[in-house]
Amino acid sequence: MLVASRQSSALLLQQFFGTYLNSWLRTATKGRVTAPPVVITAPAGAFAVGDLPEAKLIHFDESPAALKPLLAADLDARRGTVVGALPELLTEAEQAALLLILDVTSGTLPLADLTALLSGPRAGRWPSSDVIAFIRADAIKRAAANLVGNGRSQTALDKLDRAFGPEWRTEFHSGGPGAAVRGYLRRLEAALPGRAWPAAVRVNPNDEPVFWLILITKQPHGAWAFADAVARARRGWRRTLRQAGAAKSPKAQLVVEGLQSAERLAVGAEQHEERAVVESLKKNLLATRRRVGEFRISDRPREVLDGLFGTADTAQIRAAVRELHAAGKTLSTGVGGDIRDHVLRLPDKRAIR
């Protein structure tokens, strides 16, 4: 199977949303909920969210071509940008949980408006307001190409200025897309402290990220479902890229994000990486236990997933706890229930190394 460049990101997102949205909806419909959750995609052409009968799904796009199949399917598809429709949307979601799925590089919602939304009308914990921000490295590179040459598009540059902040231009020159995204995350952190949870998606551990998925939320426990969904989606995405590399004709010219790296990713190397993730989780769990004492895993997502956010899934966390138990380093067995609800207890401090 051959995977074209645009299809590569669509594949990752389809797998991610297939896992994440069900978890988000379960949380969004708990408690004092008086209306169906509202899920917004912008631009609609970038995401294939699928059917969400439990939620009110609204698609925004400035392209009539992107909206056409959605309208044909009798979906709520609106021409325009989210920023232009914010007053109307806030009224529609006044008593409902809100999830905004945003392609940052499209420039559809400027950074200033995003932070104003989450620090103003939707600043409280209820009803919940979450954002999934998606960034493509290749989109940043295409916009950056307009910084030089006679064929520059000021419109493309202005869009990214609004979405990332104008500092991205200097950041890109200093370190490429990764530096621009790190700058964007710093600005998010300054405006919304502690609310951004970034997951960089790489084919191989030492590669530069191909995509970034960022959860912006006031509900730290939601970070677990997000991180697990990214890790699972990444695994399936890499498997498809590897298959695409194996099937590629020597004469074919195929541009795929991450394909060259995926061709180097043998099954054995993937298993070695997964083993390394479990070992890193064990170190994180023990280091957190030394620092804070006994703790419930779900209460410490940043510490447990340090360096592994979007790479480690719940099965690997369970494996790490079970191995620590087998080594006599915790009373927690890692067996039964949701592993994130387990409390890491160490029976003997002398067992810690």
Protein backbone atom coordinates (compact mmCIF):
# COMPACT_ATOMS: atom_id res chain seq x y z
CA MET A 1 0.00 0.00 0.00
CA LEU A 2 1.34 3.43 -0.93
CA VAL A 3 0.60 6.37 1.30
CA ALA A 4 0.73 9.85 -0.20
CA SER A 5 2.02 12.75 1.90
CA ARG A 6 -1.38 14.23 2.76
CA GLN A 7 -2.79 10.76 3.43
CA SER A 8 -0.03 10.16 5.99
CA SER A 9 -1.29 12.82 8.39
CA ALA A 10 -4.91 11.83 7.73
CA LEU A 11 -4.07 8.24 8.67
CA LEU A 12 -2.49 9.28 11.97
CA LEU A 13 -5.39 11.57 12.87
CA GLN A 14 -8.04 9.01 11.95
CA GLN A 15 -6.46 6.46 14.28
CA PHE A 16 -5.97 9.03 17.03
CA PHE A 17 -9.55 10.32 17.00
CA GLY A 18 -10.91 6.78 16.78
CA THR A 19 -9.46 6.19 20.25
CA TYR A 20 -9.50 9.61 21.90
CA LEU A 21 -12.97 10.94 21.13
CA ASN A 22 -14.82 8.09 22.84
CA SER A 23 -12.84 8.71 26.01
CA TRP A 24 -13.42 12.48 25.82
CA LEU A 25 -17.15 12.02 25.29
CA ARG A 26 -17.45 9.77 28.35
CA THR A 27 -15.88 12.49 30.48
CA ALA A 28 -17.77 15.34 28.81
CA THR A 29 -21.17 13.79 29.55
CA LYS A 30 -20.58 13.32 33.28
CA GLY A 31 -21.75 15.60 36.07
CA ARG A 32 -23.80 18.75 35.61
CA VAL A 33 -24.23 18.40 31.86
CA THR A 34 -27.42 19.85 30.46
CA ALA A 35 -26.65 19.76 26.73
CA PRO A 36 -24.84 17.48 24.27
CA PRO A 37 -21.09 18.15 23.96
CA VAL A 38 -20.04 20.42 21.10
CA VAL A 39 -17.14 19.32 18.89
CA ILE A 40 -15.75 21.79 16.34
CA THR A 41 -13.25 21.02 13.56
CA ALA A 42 -11.34 23.79 11.78
CA PRO A 43 -10.58 23.52 8.97
CA ALA A 44 -12.90 20.63 8.21
CA GLY A 45 -10.77 19.48 5.28
CA ALA A 46 -7.89 18.60 7.63
CA PHE A 47 -9.78 16.15 9.84
CA ALA A 48 -11.84 13.00 9.40
CA VAL A 49 -13.49 12.81 12.80
CA GLY A 50 -16.25 10.40 11.84
CA ASP A 51 -19.78 10.12 13.20
CA LEU A 52 -20.41 11.37 16.75
CA PRO A 53 -24.08 10.74 17.57
CA GLU A 54 -23.57 11.75 21.23
CA ALA A 55 -22.25 15.20 20.31
CA LYS A 56 -23.12 18.23 18.24
CA LEU A 57 -20.42 18.19 15.55
CA ILE A 58 -19.74 21.43 13.67
CA HIS A 59 -17.27 21.75 10.77
CA PHE A 60 -15.72 25.03 9.66
CA ASP A 61 -13.79 25.62 6.46
CA GLU A 62 -13.24 28.49 4.05
CA SER A 63 -13.11 26.08 1.11
CA PRO A 64 -16.43 25.19 -0.57
CA ALA A 65 -14.79 22.05 -1.96
CA ALA A 66 -13.92 20.83 1.55
CA LEU A 67 -17.45 21.50 2.76
CA LYS A 68 -19.24 19.92 -0.20
CA PRO A 69 -19.02 16.24 0.88
CA LEU A 70 -19.98 17.18 4.44
CA LEU A 71 -23.05 19.07 3.28
CA ALA A 72 -23.95 16.18 0.99
CA ALA A 73 -23.90 13.92 4.06
CA ASP A 74 -26.28 16.35 5.80
CA LEU A 75 -23.67 17.39 8.38
CA ASP A 76 -23.39 20.78 10.08
CA ALA A 77 -20.74 22.34 7.83
CA ARG A 78 -20.28 26.10 7.83
CA ARG A 79 -18.22 28.25 5.50
CA GLY A 80 -15.93 30.62 7.36
CA THR A 81 -13.52 30.62 10.27
CA VAL A 82 -13.99 29.78 13.93
CA VAL A 83 -12.85 33.22 15.03
CA GLY A 84 -15.61 34.88 13.04
CA ALA A 85 -18.25 32.60 14.57
CA LEU A 86 -17.07 32.63 18.20
CA PRO A 87 -19.97 34.65 19.66
CA GLU A 88 -22.49 32.31 18.05
CA LEU A 89 -20.54 29.20 19.08
CA LEU A 90 -20.25 30.29 22.70
CA THR A 91 -24.01 30.69 22.81
CA GLU A 92 -24.54 27.21 21.31
CA ALA A 93 -22.14 25.62 23.81
CA GLU A 94 -23.09 27.70 26.86
CA GLN A 95 -24.15 24.69 28.95
CA ALA A 96 -22.11 22.05 27.13
CA ALA A 97 -18.61 20.66 27.09
CA LEU A 98 -16.62 22.04 24.16
CA LEU A 99 -13.84 20.40 22.15
CA LEU A 100 -12.11 22.44 19.46
CA ILE A 101 -10.02 20.44 16.98
CA LEU A 102 -7.70 22.90 15.32
CA ASP A 103 -5.07 22.73 12.58
CA VAL A 104 -2.80 25.49 13.89
CA THR A 105 -0.86 25.88 10.65
CA SER A 106 -4.06 26.70 8.76
CA GLY A 107 -4.24 30.00 10.64
CA THR A 108 -7.98 29.58 11.14
CA LEU A 109 -7.85 30.69 14.79
CA PRO A 110 -5.15 33.21 15.83
CA LEU A 111 -3.19 32.48 18.99
CA ALA A 112 -4.51 35.64 20.66
CA ASP A 113 -8.13 34.59 20.07
CA LEU A 114 -7.45 31.02 21.23
CA THR A 115 -5.94 32.15 24.52
CA ALA A 116 -8.64 34.80 24.98
CA LEU A 117 -11.32 32.14 24.55
CA LEU A 118 -9.80 29.78 27.12
CA SER A 119 -8.88 32.48 29.63
CA GLY A 120 -12.12 34.40 29.25
CA PRO A 121 -15.59 33.03 28.48
CA ARG A 122 -14.50 29.38 28.86
CA ALA A 123 -11.96 29.82 31.66
CA GLY A 124 -13.81 27.74 34.28
CA ARG A 125 -13.57 24.00 34.85
CA TRP A 126 -17.26 23.60 34.00
CA PRO A 127 -18.44 23.23 31.41
CA SER A 128 -15.12 21.81 30.22
CA SER A 129 -13.31 23.43 27.30
CA ASP A 130 -10.56 21.46 25.58
CA VAL A 131 -8.51 22.01 22.44
CA ILE A 132 -6.66 19.50 20.27
CA ALA A 133 -4.10 21.48 18.28
CA PHE A 134 -2.43 19.76 15.33
CA ILE A 135 0.78 21.02 13.71
CA ARG A 136 2.53 19.66 10.62
CA ALA A 137 6.26 20.22 10.16
CA ASP A 138 5.89 20.29 6.38
CA ALA A 139 3.27 23.07 6.61
CA ILE A 140 5.67 25.23 8.62
CA LYS A 141 8.41 24.58 6.05
CA ARG A 142 6.10 25.57 3.18
CA ALA A 143 5.19 28.81 4.94
CA ALA A 144 8.85 29.48 5.74
CA ALA A 145 9.71 29.14 2.04
CA ASN A 146 7.84 32.42 1.59
CA LEU A 147 10.43 34.22 3.71
CA VAL A 148 12.81 34.23 0.74
CA GLY A 149 12.45 34.49 -3.02
CA ASN A 150 10.34 36.51 -5.40
CA GLY A 151 7.30 34.24 -5.24
CA ARG A 152 6.62 34.87 -1.56
CA SER A 153 3.05 34.80 -0.31
CA GLN A 154 2.45 37.48 2.30
CA THR A 155 -0.93 35.94 3.01
CA ALA A 156 0.65 32.63 4.05
CA LEU A 157 3.14 34.42 6.27
CA ASP A 158 0.46 36.57 7.89
CA LYS A 159 -1.62 33.48 8.67
CA LEU A 160 1.24 31.79 10.48
CA ASP A 161 2.14 35.05 12.23
CA ARG A 162 -1.35 35.15 13.71
CA ALA A 163 -1.47 31.45 14.54
CA PHE A 164 2.03 31.07 16.04
CA GLY A 165 3.00 34.63 16.89
CA PRO A 166 5.38 36.58 14.61
CA GLU A 167 8.37 35.27 16.59
CA TRP A 168 8.10 31.98 14.68
CA ARG A 169 10.10 33.48 11.80
CA THR A 170 13.22 33.99 13.90
CA GLU A 171 12.66 30.69 15.68
CA PHE A 172 12.44 28.81 12.40
CA HIS A 173 15.73 30.29 11.19
CA SER A 174 17.41 29.22 14.44
CA GLY A 175 16.19 25.61 14.48
CA GLY A 176 13.56 24.74 11.88
CA PRO A 177 9.97 23.64 12.60
CA GLY A 178 10.86 22.20 15.99
CA ALA A 179 12.15 25.55 17.24
CA ALA A 180 9.02 27.31 15.95
CA VAL A 181 6.77 24.83 17.77
CA ARG A 182 8.76 25.16 21.00
CA GLY A 183 8.30 28.93 20.76
CA TYR A 184 4.55 28.43 20.21
CA LEU A 185 4.41 26.21 23.29
CA ARG A 186 6.23 28.83 25.36
CA ARG A 187 3.66 31.41 24.36
CA LEU A 188 0.83 29.01 25.20
CA GLU A 189 2.39 28.32 28.60
CA ALA A 190 2.74 32.04 29.31
CA ALA A 191 -0.92 32.66 28.49
CA LEU A 192 -2.39 29.41 29.86
CA PRO A 193 0.01 28.09 32.54
CA GLY A 194 0.06 24.33 32.96
CA ARG A 195 -2.66 23.63 30.42
CA ALA A 196 -0.72 22.52 27.32
CA TRP A 197 0.26 18.86 26.91
CA PRO A 198 2.38 18.45 23.73
CA ALA A 199 3.12 15.12 22.02
CA ALA A 200 5.75 15.15 19.28
CA VAL A 201 5.16 12.39 16.72
CA ARG A 202 8.35 10.87 15.29
CA VAL A 203 8.91 7.81 13.16
CA ASN A 204 12.12 6.86 14.97
CA PRO A 205 13.20 8.13 18.42
CA ASN A 206 16.13 10.17 17.09
CA ASP A 207 14.25 11.73 14.15
CA GLU A 208 12.89 15.24 14.06
CA PRO A 209 9.11 15.31 14.73
CA VAL A 210 6.84 15.03 11.72
CA PHE A 211 3.70 16.18 13.53
CA TRP A 212 2.74 17.59 16.90
CA LEU A 213 -0.53 16.98 18.71
CA ILE A 214 -1.19 19.29 21.64
CA LEU A 215 -3.94 18.95 24.23
CA ILE A 216 -4.95 22.19 25.93
CA THR A 217 -7.12 21.49 28.98
CA LYS A 218 -7.83 22.40 32.59
CA GLN A 219 -8.46 18.72 33.39
CA PRO A 220 -5.02 17.08 33.97
CA HIS A 221 -6.55 13.61 34.14
CA GLY A 222 -7.61 14.03 30.53
CA ALA A 223 -3.94 14.00 29.57
CA TRP A 224 -3.81 10.24 30.16
CA ALA A 225 -6.41 9.41 27.52
CA PHE A 226 -4.76 11.85 25.13
CA ALA A 227 -1.26 10.42 25.61
CA ASP A 228 -2.50 6.85 25.25
CA ALA A 229 -4.43 7.68 22.05
CA VAL A 230 -1.39 9.38 20.49
CA ALA A 231 0.87 6.42 21.34
CA ARG A 232 -1.55 3.89 19.84
CA ALA A 233 -2.14 5.99 16.73
CA ARG A 234 1.61 6.45 16.24
CA ARG A 235 2.18 2.69 16.39
CA GLY A 236 -0.43 1.98 13.72
CA TRP A 237 0.76 4.90 11.59
CA ARG A 238 4.38 3.70 11.67
CA ARG A 239 3.30 0.20 10.75
CA THR A 240 1.49 1.53 7.68
CA LEU A 241 4.47 3.66 6.67
CA ARG A 242 6.76 0.66 6.98
CA GLN A 243 4.43 -1.37 4.75
CA ALA A 244 4.36 1.49 2.26
CA GLY A 245 8.14 1.52 2.16
CA ALA A 246 8.29 -2.22 1.55
CA ALA A 247 5.77 -2.01 -1.29
CA LYS A 248 7.36 0.97 -3.04
CA SER A 249 8.64 0.30 -6.53
CA PRO A 250 12.32 1.19 -7.02
CA LYS A 251 11.25 3.45 -9.87
CA ALA A 252 8.43 5.13 -7.97
CA GLN A 253 8.75 8.70 -6.81
CA LEU A 254 6.76 8.87 -3.59
CA VAL A 255 6.93 11.74 -1.11
CA VAL A 256 5.71 10.64 2.31
CA GLU A 257 6.32 12.31 5.65
CA GLY A 258 8.62 10.01 7.57
CA LEU A 259 8.82 7.34 4.86
CA GLN A 260 12.61 7.22 4.65
CA SER A 261 12.80 6.83 8.41
CA ALA A 262 10.07 4.19 8.33
CA GLU A 263 12.06 2.15 5.81
CA ARG A 264 14.83 1.92 8.41
CA LEU A 265 12.38 0.82 11.09
CA ALA A 266 12.69 -2.96 11.23
CA VAL A 267 10.33 -4.95 13.43
CA GLY A 268 13.23 -5.77 15.74
CA ALA A 269 14.09 -2.09 16.13
CA GLU A 270 10.48 -1.30 16.98
CA GLN A 271 10.45 -4.01 19.65
CA HIS A 272 13.72 -2.65 21.04
CA GLU A 273 12.19 0.82 21.29
CA GLU A 274 9.10 -0.51 23.08
CA ARG A 275 11.35 -2.29 25.57
CA ALA A 276 13.25 0.96 26.15
CA VAL A 277 9.95 2.75 26.84
CA VAL A 278 9.09 0.27 29.61
CA GLU A 279 12.54 0.73 31.16
CA SER A 280 12.15 4.52 31.09
CA LEU A 281 8.71 4.23 32.69
CA LYS A 282 10.19 2.17 35.52
CA LYS A 283 12.80 4.86 36.14
CA ASN A 284 10.14 7.60 36.10
CA LEU A 285 7.89 5.70 38.50
CA LEU A 286 10.70 5.10 40.99
CA ALA A 287 12.02 8.66 40.73
CA THR A 288 8.53 10.05 41.40
CA ARG A 289 8.09 7.71 44.37
CA ARG A 290 11.38 8.90 45.87
CA ARG A 291 10.38 12.52 45.45
CA VAL A 292 6.72 12.53 46.58
CA GLY A 293 6.21 9.26 48.45
CA GLU A 294 3.40 6.86 47.64
CA PHE A 295 1.24 8.21 44.84
CA ARG A 296 -1.65 7.31 42.62
CA ILE A 297 -0.35 7.01 39.08
CA SER A 298 -3.23 9.04 37.63
CA ASP A 299 -2.24 12.03 39.81
CA ARG A 300 1.23 12.34 38.25
CA PRO A 301 0.99 12.29 34.44
CA ARG A 302 3.83 14.75 33.84
CA GLU A 303 6.26 12.85 36.05
CA VAL A 304 5.33 9.32 34.96
CA LEU A 305 5.31 10.21 31.26
CA ASP A 306 8.32 12.52 31.39
CA GLY A 307 10.05 12.20 28.01
CA LEU A 308 7.47 9.62 26.90
CA PHE A 309 4.31 11.67 26.37
CA GLY A 310 2.58 10.31 23.28
CA THR A 311 5.04 7.40 23.11
CA ALA A 312 4.08 5.25 26.12
CA ASP A 313 0.62 3.70 26.29
CA THR A 314 -1.28 2.21 29.25
CA ALA A 315 -0.20 -1.35 28.41
CA GLN A 316 3.44 -0.32 28.77
CA ILE A 317 2.70 1.44 32.08
CA ARG A 318 1.12 -1.77 33.34
CA ALA A 319 4.15 -3.76 32.18
CA ALA A 320 6.46 -1.36 34.03
CA VAL A 321 4.51 -1.69 37.30
CA ARG A 322 4.37 -5.48 37.02
CA GLU A 323 8.13 -5.66 36.47
CA LEU A 324 8.76 -3.42 39.47
CA HIS A 325 6.55 -5.71 41.54
CA ALA A 326 8.39 -8.79 40.31
CA ALA A 327 11.68 -7.15 41.31
CA GLY A 328 10.36 -6.47 44.82
CA LYS A 329 10.30 -2.70 44.35
CA THR A 330 6.58 -2.12 44.84
CA LEU A 331 3.62 -3.78 46.53
CA SER A 332 1.48 -2.76 43.55
CA THR A 333 1.04 -5.76 41.29
CA GLY A 334 -0.12 -3.96 38.16
CA VAL A 335 -2.91 -6.54 37.85
CA GLY A 336 -6.57 -5.66 37.43
CA GLY A 337 -8.50 -2.44 36.98
CA ASP A 338 -7.24 0.70 35.29
CA ILE A 339 -3.48 0.81 35.84
CA ARG A 340 -3.67 4.57 36.29
CA ASP A 341 -5.77 4.03 39.44
CA HIS A 342 -3.04 1.95 41.07
CA VAL A 343 -1.01 3.44 43.92
CA LEU A 344 2.72 2.87 43.68
CA ARG A 345 3.78 1.51 47.07
CA LEU A 346 7.30 0.45 47.89
CA PRO A 347 7.54 -2.10 50.68
CA ASP A 348 11.22 -1.55 51.39
CA LYS A 349 13.21 1.57 50.57
CA ARG A 350 16.34 -0.56 50.49
CA ALA A 351 14.95 -2.22 47.35
CA ILE A 352 15.17 1.05 45.44
CA ARG A 353 18.23 1.45 43.30
